[in-house]
Amino acid sequence: MVFLNLLTFGLWGKVGRLAHYAFDAVLISTILAGMKRSTGLTPSFKKEALTENKDINHWIDKYLGVGEWVMDQSVAIAGSSSWFERKR
C-alpha cells in the first residue's frame, strides 16, 4: 500500500476520501427522497434565493434526482427479494 501511495504521489488517499464524500452525498439525497415519499415533506430550498444562476439550480435538481433514482432502485430490488414483503 505504501508503494502504491508513492507511485500515485499520495492521490490514492484522496480518491478514497472523495469516494467517501460522494457516498455520503448520495446517502443524504436518498434520505431526503425517502422523507418526501413517506411524509410528503420536501426540502424548501428557495433556489432563486440561493442563487440566480441557472446552472446551480440545475445541479440542485440533478442532486435531488439522484436520491429519487436510488430510492426507486432500492424499492425495486427490495420488492423483488424474498427478504421483504408488503404489508398494507
PDB file of N, CA and C in Angstrom:
ATOM      1  N   MET A   1       0.832  -1.187   0.000  1.00  0.00           N
ATOM      2  CA  MET A   1       0.000   0.000   0.000  1.00  0.00           C
ATOM      3  C   MET A   1       0.875   1.248   0.000  1.00  0.00           C
ATOM      4  N   VAL A   2       1.976   1.221   0.726  1.00  0.00           N
ATOM      5  CA  VAL A   2       2.871   2.375   0.757  1.00  0.00           C
ATOM      6  C   VAL A   2       3.482   2.578  -0.625  1.00  0.00           C
ATOM      7  N   PHE A   3       3.822   1.473  -1.294  1.00  0.00           N
ATOM      8  CA  PHE A   3       4.391   1.570  -2.636  1.00  0.00           C
ATOM      9  C   PHE A   3       3.381   2.178  -3.609  1.00  0.00           C
ATOM     10  N   LEU A   4       2.115   1.751  -3.491  1.00  0.00           N
ATOM     11  CA  LEU A   4       1.067   2.308  -4.342  1.00  0.00           C
ATOM     12  C   LEU A   4       0.881   3.796  -4.070  1.00  0.00           C
ATOM     13  N   ASN A   5       0.988   4.176  -2.808  1.00  0.00           N
ATOM     14  CA  ASN A   5       0.857   5.581  -2.443  1.00  0.00           C
ATOM     15  C   ASN A   5       2.022   6.385  -3.026  1.00  0.00           C
ATOM     16  N   LEU A   6       3.209   5.823  -3.034  1.00  0.00           N
ATOM     17  CA  LEU A   6       4.354   6.509  -3.628  1.00  0.00           C
ATOM     18  C   LEU A   6       4.204   6.642  -5.138  1.00  0.00           C
ATOM     19  N   LEU A   7       3.676   5.599  -5.786  1.00  0.00           N
ATOM     20  CA  LEU A   7       3.500   5.632  -7.238  1.00  0.00           C
ATOM     21  C   LEU A   7       2.469   6.676  -7.663  1.00  0.00           C
ATOM     22  N   THR A   8       1.455   6.879  -6.853  1.00  0.00           N
ATOM     23  CA  THR A   8       0.394   7.802  -7.232  1.00  0.00           C
ATOM     24  C   THR A   8       0.567   9.174  -6.597  1.00  0.00           C
ATOM     25  N   PHE A   9       1.714   9.425  -5.982  1.00  0.00           N
ATOM     26  CA  PHE A   9       2.025  10.713  -5.361  1.00  0.00           C
ATOM     27  C   PHE A   9       1.009  11.091  -4.285  1.00  0.00           C
ATOM     28  N   GLY A  10       0.515  10.118  -3.546  1.00  0.00           N
ATOM     29  CA  GLY A  10      -0.418  10.379  -2.463  1.00  0.00           C
ATOM     30  C   GLY A  10      -1.855  10.568  -2.901  1.00  0.00           C
ATOM     31  N   LEU A  11      -2.155  10.342  -4.169  1.00  0.00           N
ATOM     32  CA  LEU A  11      -3.518  10.545  -4.661  1.00  0.00           C
ATOM     33  C   LEU A  11      -4.465   9.431  -4.241  1.00  0.00           C
ATOM     34  N   TRP A  12      -3.912   8.266  -3.886  1.00  0.00           N
ATOM     35  CA  TRP A  12      -4.751   7.135  -3.532  1.00  0.00           C
ATOM     36  C   TRP A  12      -5.641   7.469  -2.332  1.00  0.00           C
ATOM     37  N   GLY A  13      -5.099   8.118  -1.318  1.00  0.00           N
ATOM     38  CA  GLY A  13      -5.887   8.507  -0.156  1.00  0.00           C
ATOM     39  C   GLY A  13      -6.925   9.561  -0.492  1.00  0.00           C
ATOM     40  N   LYS A  14      -6.591  10.445  -1.408  1.00  0.00           N
ATOM     41  CA  LYS A  14      -7.533  11.496  -1.810  1.00  0.00           C
ATOM     42  C   LYS A  14      -8.703  10.917  -2.595  1.00  0.00           C
ATOM     43  N   VAL A  15      -8.458   9.891  -3.393  1.00  0.00           N
ATOM     44  CA  VAL A  15      -9.533   9.241  -4.144  1.00  0.00           C
ATOM     45  C   VAL A  15     -10.489   8.553  -3.178  1.00  0.00           C
ATOM     46  N   GLY A  16      -9.945   7.908  -2.158  1.00  0.00           N
ATOM     47  CA  GLY A  16     -10.782   7.261  -1.148  1.00  0.00           C
ATOM     48  C   GLY A  16     -11.633   8.271  -0.395  1.00  0.00           C
ATOM     49  N   ARG A  17     -11.043   9.403  -0.052  1.00  0.00           N
ATOM     50  CA  ARG A  17     -11.787  10.443   0.652  1.00  0.00           C
ATOM     51  C   ARG A  17     -12.881  11.012  -0.242  1.00  0.00           C
ATOM     52  N   LEU A  18     -12.583  11.220  -1.520  1.00  0.00           N
ATOM     53  CA  LEU A  18     -13.577  11.726  -2.465  1.00  0.00           C
ATOM     54  C   LEU A  18     -14.727  10.736  -2.622  1.00  0.00           C
ATOM     55  N   ALA A  19     -14.408   9.444  -2.699  1.00  0.00           N
ATOM     56  CA  ALA A  19     -15.452   8.420  -2.810  1.00  0.00           C
ATOM     57  C   ALA A  19     -16.325   8.413  -1.555  1.00  0.00           C
ATOM     58  N   HIS A  20     -15.714   8.599  -0.405  1.00  0.00           N
ATOM     59  CA  HIS A  20     -16.467   8.640   0.854  1.00  0.00           C
ATOM     60  C   HIS A  20     -17.423   9.826   0.870  1.00  0.00           C
ATOM     61  N   TYR A  21     -16.957  10.995   0.467  1.00  0.00           N
ATOM     62  CA  TYR A  21     -17.815  12.180   0.421  1.00  0.00           C
ATOM     63  C   TYR A  21     -18.940  12.017  -0.600  1.00  0.00           C
ATOM     64  N   ALA A  22     -18.643  11.402  -1.737  1.00  0.00           N
ATOM     65  CA  ALA A  22     -19.671  11.176  -2.757  1.00  0.00           C
ATOM     66  C   ALA A  22     -20.739  10.222  -2.238  1.00  0.00           C
ATOM     67  N   PHE A  23     -20.317   9.164  -1.550  1.00  0.00           N
ATOM     68  CA  PHE A  23     -21.271   8.216  -0.983  1.00  0.00           C
ATOM     69  C   PHE A  23     -22.149   8.907   0.062  1.00  0.00           C
ATOM     70  N   ASP A  24     -21.548   9.734   0.899  1.00  0.00           N
ATOM     71  CA  ASP A  24     -22.321  10.468   1.908  1.00  0.00           C
ATOM     72  C   ASP A  24     -23.329  11.415   1.261  1.00  0.00           C
ATOM     73  N   ALA A  25     -22.933  12.075   0.181  1.00  0.00           N
ATOM     74  CA  ALA A  25     -23.838  12.999  -0.506  1.00  0.00           C
ATOM     75  C   ALA A  25     -25.026  12.245  -1.098  1.00  0.00           C
ATOM     76  N   VAL A  26     -24.785  11.082  -1.693  1.00  0.00           N
ATOM     77  CA  VAL A  26     -25.876  10.274  -2.252  1.00  0.00           C
ATOM     78  C   VAL A  26     -26.773   9.770  -1.127  1.00  0.00           C
ATOM     79  N   LEU A  27     -26.188   9.403  -0.004  1.00  0.00           N
ATOM     80  CA  LEU A  27     -26.974   8.930   1.127  1.00  0.00           C
ATOM     81  C   LEU A  27     -27.900  10.028   1.657  1.00  0.00           C
ATOM     82  N   ILE A  28     -27.397  11.246   1.761  1.00  0.00           N
ATOM     83  CA  ILE A  28     -28.223  12.368   2.218  1.00  0.00           C
ATOM     84  C   ILE A  28     -29.350  12.646   1.225  1.00  0.00           C
ATOM     85  N   SER A  29     -29.034  12.607  -0.063  1.00  0.00           N
ATOM     86  CA  SER A  29     -30.052  12.825  -1.084  1.00  0.00           C
ATOM     87  C   SER A  29     -31.118  11.731  -1.034  1.00  0.00           C
ATOM     88  N   THR A  30     -30.718  10.501  -0.763  1.00  0.00           N
ATOM     89  CA  THR A  30     -31.665   9.388  -0.665  1.00  0.00           C
ATOM     90  C   THR A  30     -32.549   9.529   0.566  1.00  0.00           C
ATOM     91  N   ILE A  31     -31.974   9.990   1.664  1.00  0.00           N
ATOM     92  CA  ILE A  31     -32.777  10.217   2.868  1.00  0.00           C
ATOM     93  C   ILE A  31     -33.829  11.288   2.599  1.00  0.00           C
ATOM     94  N   LEU A  32     -33.439  12.351   1.901  1.00  0.00           N
ATOM     95  CA  LEU A  32     -34.407  13.399   1.557  1.00  0.00           C
ATOM     96  C   LEU A  32     -35.507  12.854   0.648  1.00  0.00           C
ATOM     97  N   ALA A  33     -35.146  11.974  -0.290  1.00  0.00           N
ATOM     98  CA  ALA A  33     -36.153  11.367  -1.172  1.00  0.00           C
ATOM     99  C   ALA A  33     -37.091  10.467  -0.381  1.00  0.00           C
ATOM    100  N   GLY A  34     -36.560   9.725   0.587  1.00  0.00           N
ATOM    101  CA  GLY A  34     -37.397   8.874   1.429  1.00  0.00           C
ATOM    102  C   GLY A  34     -38.357   9.684   2.274  1.00  0.00           C
ATOM    103  N   MET A  35     -37.882  10.815   2.789  1.00  0.00           N
ATOM    104  CA  MET A  35     -38.767  11.696   3.555  1.00  0.00           C
ATOM    105  C   MET A  35     -39.887  12.221   2.669  1.00  0.00           C
ATOM    106  N   LYS A  36     -39.548  12.551   1.433  1.00  0.00           N
ATOM    107  CA  LYS A  36     -40.556  13.068   0.503  1.00  0.00           C
ATOM    108  C   LYS A  36     -41.604  11.995   0.209  1.00  0.00           C
ATOM    109  N   ARG A  37     -41.145  10.758   0.019  1.00  0.00           N
ATOM    110  CA  ARG A  37     -42.071   9.676  -0.309  1.00  0.00           C
ATOM    111  C   ARG A  37     -42.965   9.301   0.857  1.00  0.00           C
ATOM    112  N   SER A  38     -42.397   9.228   2.058  1.00  0.00           N
ATOM    113  CA  SER A  38     -43.177   8.712   3.184  1.00  0.00           C
ATOM    114  C   SER A  38     -44.027   9.769   3.876  1.00  0.00           C
ATOM    115  N   THR A  39     -43.600  11.030   3.849  1.00  0.00           N
ATOM    116  CA  THR A  39     -44.342  12.055   4.575  1.00  0.00           C
ATOM    117  C   THR A  39     -44.871  13.167   3.684  1.00  0.00           C
ATOM    118  N   GLY A  40     -44.344  13.292   2.498  1.00  0.00           N
ATOM    119  CA  GLY A  40     -44.738  14.378   1.614  1.00  0.00           C
ATOM    120  C   GLY A  40     -43.946  15.652   1.853  1.00  0.00           C
ATOM    121  N   LEU A  41     -43.065  15.634   2.854  1.00  0.00           N
ATOM    122  CA  LEU A  41     -42.239  16.809   3.131  1.00  0.00           C
ATOM    123  C   LEU A  41     -41.100  16.893   2.123  1.00  0.00           C
ATOM    124  N   THR A  42     -40.901  18.054   1.586  1.00  0.00           N
ATOM    125  CA  THR A  42     -39.805  18.268   0.651  1.00  0.00           C
ATOM    126  C   THR A  42     -38.914  19.389   1.179  1.00  0.00           C
ATOM    127  N   PRO A  43     -37.642  19.360   0.818  1.00  0.00           N
ATOM    128  CA  PRO A  43     -36.778  20.459   1.250  1.00  0.00           C
ATOM    129  C   PRO A  43     -37.263  21.769   0.639  1.00  0.00           C
ATOM    130  N   SER A  44     -37.388  22.791   1.446  1.00  0.00           N
ATOM    131  CA  SER A  44     -37.888  24.067   0.927  1.00  0.00           C
ATOM    132  C   SER A  44     -36.717  24.949   0.550  1.00  0.00           C
ATOM    133  N   PHE A  45     -35.931  24.450  -0.394  1.00  0.00           N
ATOM    134  CA  PHE A  45     -34.833  25.254  -0.915  1.00  0.00           C
ATOM    135  C   PHE A  45     -35.438  26.314  -1.820  1.00  0.00           C
ATOM    136  N   LYS A  46     -35.318  27.518  -1.429  1.00  0.00           N
ATOM    137  CA  LYS A  46     -35.716  28.602  -2.314  1.00  0.00           C
ATOM    138  C   LYS A  46     -34.529  28.823  -3.242  1.00  0.00           C
ATOM    139  N   LYS A  47     -34.551  28.062  -4.330  1.00  0.00           N
ATOM    140  CA  LYS A  47     -33.391  28.074  -5.216  1.00  0.00           C
ATOM    141  C   LYS A  47     -33.105  29.460  -5.757  1.00  0.00           C
ATOM    142  N   GLU A  48     -34.156  30.212  -5.983  1.00  0.00           N
ATOM    143  CA  GLU A  48     -33.944  31.566  -6.501  1.00  0.00           C
ATOM    144  C   GLU A  48     -33.291  32.442  -5.435  1.00  0.00           C
ATOM    145  N   ALA A  49     -33.560  32.140  -4.156  1.00  0.00           N
ATOM    146  CA  ALA A  49     -32.946  32.914  -3.076  1.00  0.00           C
ATOM    147  C   ALA A  49     -31.488  32.512  -2.887  1.00  0.00           C
ATOM    148  N   LEU A  50     -31.177  31.231  -3.160  1.00  0.00           N
ATOM    149  CA  LEU A  50     -29.793  30.789  -3.029  1.00  0.00           C
ATOM    150  C   LEU A  50     -28.920  31.428  -4.108  1.00  0.00           C
ATOM    151  N   THR A  51     -29.383  31.323  -5.315  1.00  0.00           N
ATOM    152  CA  THR A  51     -28.622  31.852  -6.431  1.00  0.00           C
ATOM    153  C   THR A  51     -29.549  32.045  -7.619  1.00  0.00           C
ATOM    154  N   GLU A  52     -29.223  32.976  -8.436  1.00  0.00           N
ATOM    155  CA  GLU A  52     -29.990  33.166  -9.669  1.00  0.00           C
ATOM    156  C   GLU A  52     -29.329  32.459 -10.842  1.00  0.00           C
ATOM    157  N   ASN A  53     -28.217  31.787 -10.578  1.00  0.00           N
ATOM    158  CA  ASN A  53     -27.503  31.064 -11.610  1.00  0.00           C
ATOM    159  C   ASN A  53     -28.287  29.810 -11.987  1.00  0.00           C
ATOM    160  N   LYS A  54     -28.687  29.719 -13.242  1.00  0.00           N
ATOM    161  CA  LYS A  54     -29.489  28.586 -13.696  1.00  0.00           C
ATOM    162  C   LYS A  54     -28.706  27.286 -13.656  1.00  0.00           C
ATOM    163  N   ASP A  55     -27.386  27.334 -13.824  1.00  0.00           N
ATOM    164  CA  ASP A  55     -26.573  26.115 -13.767  1.00  0.00           C
ATOM    165  C   ASP A  55     -26.603  25.493 -12.374  1.00  0.00           C
ATOM    166  N   ILE A  56     -26.492  26.323 -11.349  1.00  0.00           N
ATOM    167  CA  ILE A  56     -26.513  25.798  -9.982  1.00  0.00           C
ATOM    168  C   ILE A  56     -27.892  25.245  -9.652  1.00  0.00           C
ATOM    169  N   ASN A  57     -28.931  25.924 -10.097  1.00  0.00           N
ATOM    170  CA  ASN A  57     -30.289  25.404  -9.890  1.00  0.00           C
ATOM    171  C   ASN A  57     -30.464  24.055 -10.579  1.00  0.00           C
ATOM    172  N   HIS A  58     -29.893  23.924 -11.760  1.00  0.00           N
ATOM    173  CA  HIS A  58     -29.954  22.658 -12.495  1.00  0.00           C
ATOM    174  C   HIS A  58     -29.236  21.557 -11.715  1.00  0.00           C
ATOM    175  N   TRP A  59     -28.073  21.861 -11.139  1.00  0.00           N
ATOM    176  CA  TRP A  59     -27.312  20.864 -10.377  1.00  0.00           C
ATOM    177  C   TRP A  59     -28.017  20.477  -9.091  1.00  0.00           C
ATOM    178  N   ILE A  60     -28.723  21.408  -8.453  1.00  0.00           N
ATOM    179  CA  ILE A  60     -29.505  21.064  -7.258  1.00  0.00           C
ATOM    180  C   ILE A  60     -30.608  20.087  -7.636  1.00  0.00           C
ATOM    181  N   ASP A  61     -31.288  20.343  -8.749  1.00  0.00           N
ATOM    182  CA  ASP A  61     -32.334  19.421  -9.214  1.00  0.00           C
ATOM    183  C   ASP A  61     -31.754  18.045  -9.549  1.00  0.00           C
ATOM    184  N   LYS A  62     -30.592  18.014 -10.180  1.00  0.00           N
ATOM    185  CA  LYS A  62     -29.949  16.740 -10.504  1.00  0.00           C
ATOM    186  C   LYS A  62     -29.544  15.991  -9.243  1.00  0.00           C
ATOM    187  N   TYR A  63     -29.024  16.717  -8.234  1.00  0.00           N
ATOM    188  CA  TYR A  63     -28.602  16.109  -6.980  1.00  0.00           C
ATOM    189  C   TYR A  63     -29.795  15.450  -6.280  1.00  0.00           C
ATOM    190  N   LEU A  64     -30.910  16.165  -6.202  1.00  0.00           N
ATOM    191  CA  LEU A  64     -32.087  15.587  -5.573  1.00  0.00           C
ATOM    192  C   LEU A  64     -32.677  14.455  -6.420  1.00  0.00           C
ATOM    193  N   GLY A  65     -32.500  14.527  -7.731  1.00  0.00           N
ATOM    194  CA  GLY A  65     -32.953  13.458  -8.618  1.00  0.00           C
ATOM    195  C   GLY A  65     -32.172  12.169  -8.424  1.00  0.00           C
ATOM    196  N   VAL A  66     -30.893  12.287  -8.067  1.00  0.00           N
ATOM    197  CA  VAL A  66     -30.086  11.088  -7.793  1.00  0.00           C
ATOM    198  C   VAL A  66     -30.666  10.337  -6.603  1.00  0.00           C
ATOM    199  N   GLY A  67     -31.074  11.062  -5.577  1.00  0.00           N
ATOM    200  CA  GLY A  67     -31.689  10.424  -4.413  1.00  0.00           C
ATOM    201  C   GLY A  67     -32.988   9.727  -4.776  1.00  0.00           C
ATOM    202  N   GLU A  68     -33.778  10.357  -5.637  1.00  0.00           N
ATOM    203  CA  GLU A  68     -35.025   9.734  -6.096  1.00  0.00           C
ATOM    204  C   GLU A  68     -34.732   8.444  -6.857  1.00  0.00           C
ATOM    205  N   TRP A  69     -33.715   8.481  -7.718  1.00  0.00           N
ATOM    206  CA  TRP A  69     -33.353   7.291  -8.502  1.00  0.00           C
ATOM    207  C   TRP A  69     -32.869   6.171  -7.589  1.00  0.00           C
ATOM    208  N   VAL A  70     -32.012   6.494  -6.631  1.00  0.00           N
ATOM    209  CA  VAL A  70     -31.512   5.473  -5.699  1.00  0.00           C
ATOM    210  C   VAL A  70     -32.668   4.894  -4.896  1.00  0.00           C
ATOM    211  N   MET A  71     -33.592   5.737  -4.485  1.00  0.00           N
ATOM    212  CA  MET A  71     -34.759   5.266  -3.739  1.00  0.00           C
ATOM    213  C   MET A  71     -35.598   4.326  -4.599  1.00  0.00           C
ATOM    214  N   ASP A  72     -35.839   4.685  -5.857  1.00  0.00           N
ATOM    215  CA  ASP A  72     -36.609   3.826  -6.772  1.00  0.00           C
ATOM    216  C   ASP A  72     -35.931   2.467  -6.950  1.00  0.00           C
ATOM    217  N   GLN A  73     -34.635   2.484  -7.176  1.00  0.00           N
ATOM    218  CA  GLN A  73     -33.904   1.233  -7.382  1.00  0.00           C
ATOM    219  C   GLN A  73     -33.911   0.373  -6.127  1.00  0.00           C
ATOM    220  N   SER A  74     -33.765   0.999  -4.977  1.00  0.00           N
ATOM    221  CA  SER A  74     -33.761   0.257  -3.715  1.00  0.00           C
ATOM    222  C   SER A  74     -35.108  -0.407  -3.471  1.00  0.00           C
ATOM    223  N   VAL A  75     -36.184   0.314  -3.735  1.00  0.00           N
ATOM    224  CA  VAL A  75     -37.523  -0.250  -3.554  1.00  0.00           C
ATOM    225  C   VAL A  75     -37.760  -1.378  -4.549  1.00  0.00           C
ATOM    226  N   ALA A  76     -37.294  -1.223  -5.779  1.00  0.00           N
ATOM    227  CA  ALA A  76     -37.475  -2.278  -6.779  1.00  0.00           C
ATOM    228  C   ALA A  76     -36.708  -3.540  -6.395  1.00  0.00           C
ATOM    229  N   ILE A  77     -35.493  -3.382  -5.921  1.00  0.00           N
ATOM    230  CA  ILE A  77     -34.693  -4.549  -5.525  1.00  0.00           C
ATOM    231  C   ILE A  77     -35.298  -5.217  -4.296  1.00  0.00           C
ATOM    232  N   ALA A  78     -35.711  -4.410  -3.318  1.00  0.00           N
ATOM    233  CA  ALA A  78     -36.307  -4.985  -2.113  1.00  0.00           C
ATOM    234  C   ALA A  78     -37.644  -5.654  -2.432  1.00  0.00           C
ATOM    235  N   GLY A  79     -38.402  -5.083  -3.367  1.00  0.00           N
ATOM    236  CA  GLY A  79     -39.688  -5.655  -3.740  1.00  0.00           C
ATOM    237  C   GLY A  79     -39.567  -6.996  -4.441  1.00  0.00           C
ATOM    238  N   SER A  80     -38.478  -7.206  -5.143  1.00  0.00           N
ATOM    239  CA  SER A  80     -38.299  -8.474  -5.848  1.00  0.00           C
ATOM    240  C   SER A  80     -37.551  -9.501  -4.994  1.00  0.00           C
ATOM    241  N   SER A  81     -37.139  -9.117  -3.815  1.00  0.00           N
ATOM    242  CA  SER A  81     -36.411 -10.013  -2.934  1.00  0.00           C
ATOM    243  C   SER A  81     -37.381 -10.781  -2.038  1.00  0.00           C
ATOM    244  N   SER A  82     -36.987 -11.977  -1.652  1.00  0.00           N
ATOM    245  CA  SER A  82     -37.820 -12.752  -0.733  1.00  0.00           C
ATOM    246  C   SER A  82     -37.591 -12.335   0.717  1.00  0.00           C
ATOM    247  N   TRP A  83     -36.653 -11.456   0.951  1.00  0.00           N
ATOM    248  CA  TRP A  83     -36.349 -10.990   2.306  1.00  0.00           C
ATOM    249  C   TRP A  83     -37.351  -9.940   2.782  1.00  0.00           C
ATOM    250  N   PHE A  84     -38.100  -9.345   1.864  1.00  0.00           N
ATOM    251  CA  PHE A  84     -39.063  -8.309   2.204  1.00  0.00           C
ATOM    252  C   PHE A  84     -40.446  -8.694   1.721  1.00  0.00           C
ATOM    253  N   GLU A  85     -41.481  -8.228   2.419  1.00  0.00           N
ATOM    254  CA  GLU A  85     -42.847  -8.430   1.983  1.00  0.00           C
ATOM    255  C   GLU A  85     -43.634  -7.158   2.251  1.00  0.00           C
ATOM    256  N   ARG A  86     -44.666  -6.933   1.418  1.00  0.00           N
ATOM    257  CA  ARG A  86     -45.501  -5.739   1.566  1.00  0.00           C
ATOM    258  C   ARG A  86     -46.613  -6.011   2.564  1.00  0.00           C
ATOM    259  N   LYS A  87     -46.787  -5.065   3.473  1.00  0.00           N
ATOM    260  CA  LYS A  87     -47.894  -5.139   4.420  1.00  0.00           C
ATOM    261  C   LYS A  87     -48.559  -3.774   4.430  1.00  0.00           C
ATOM    262  N   ARG A  88     -49.794  -3.750   3.981  1.00  0.00           N
ATOM    263  CA  ARG A  88     -50.588  -2.500   3.957  1.00  0.00           C
ATOM    264  C   ARG A  88     -51.951  -2.767   4.478  1.00  0.00           C
TER     265      ARG A  88
END
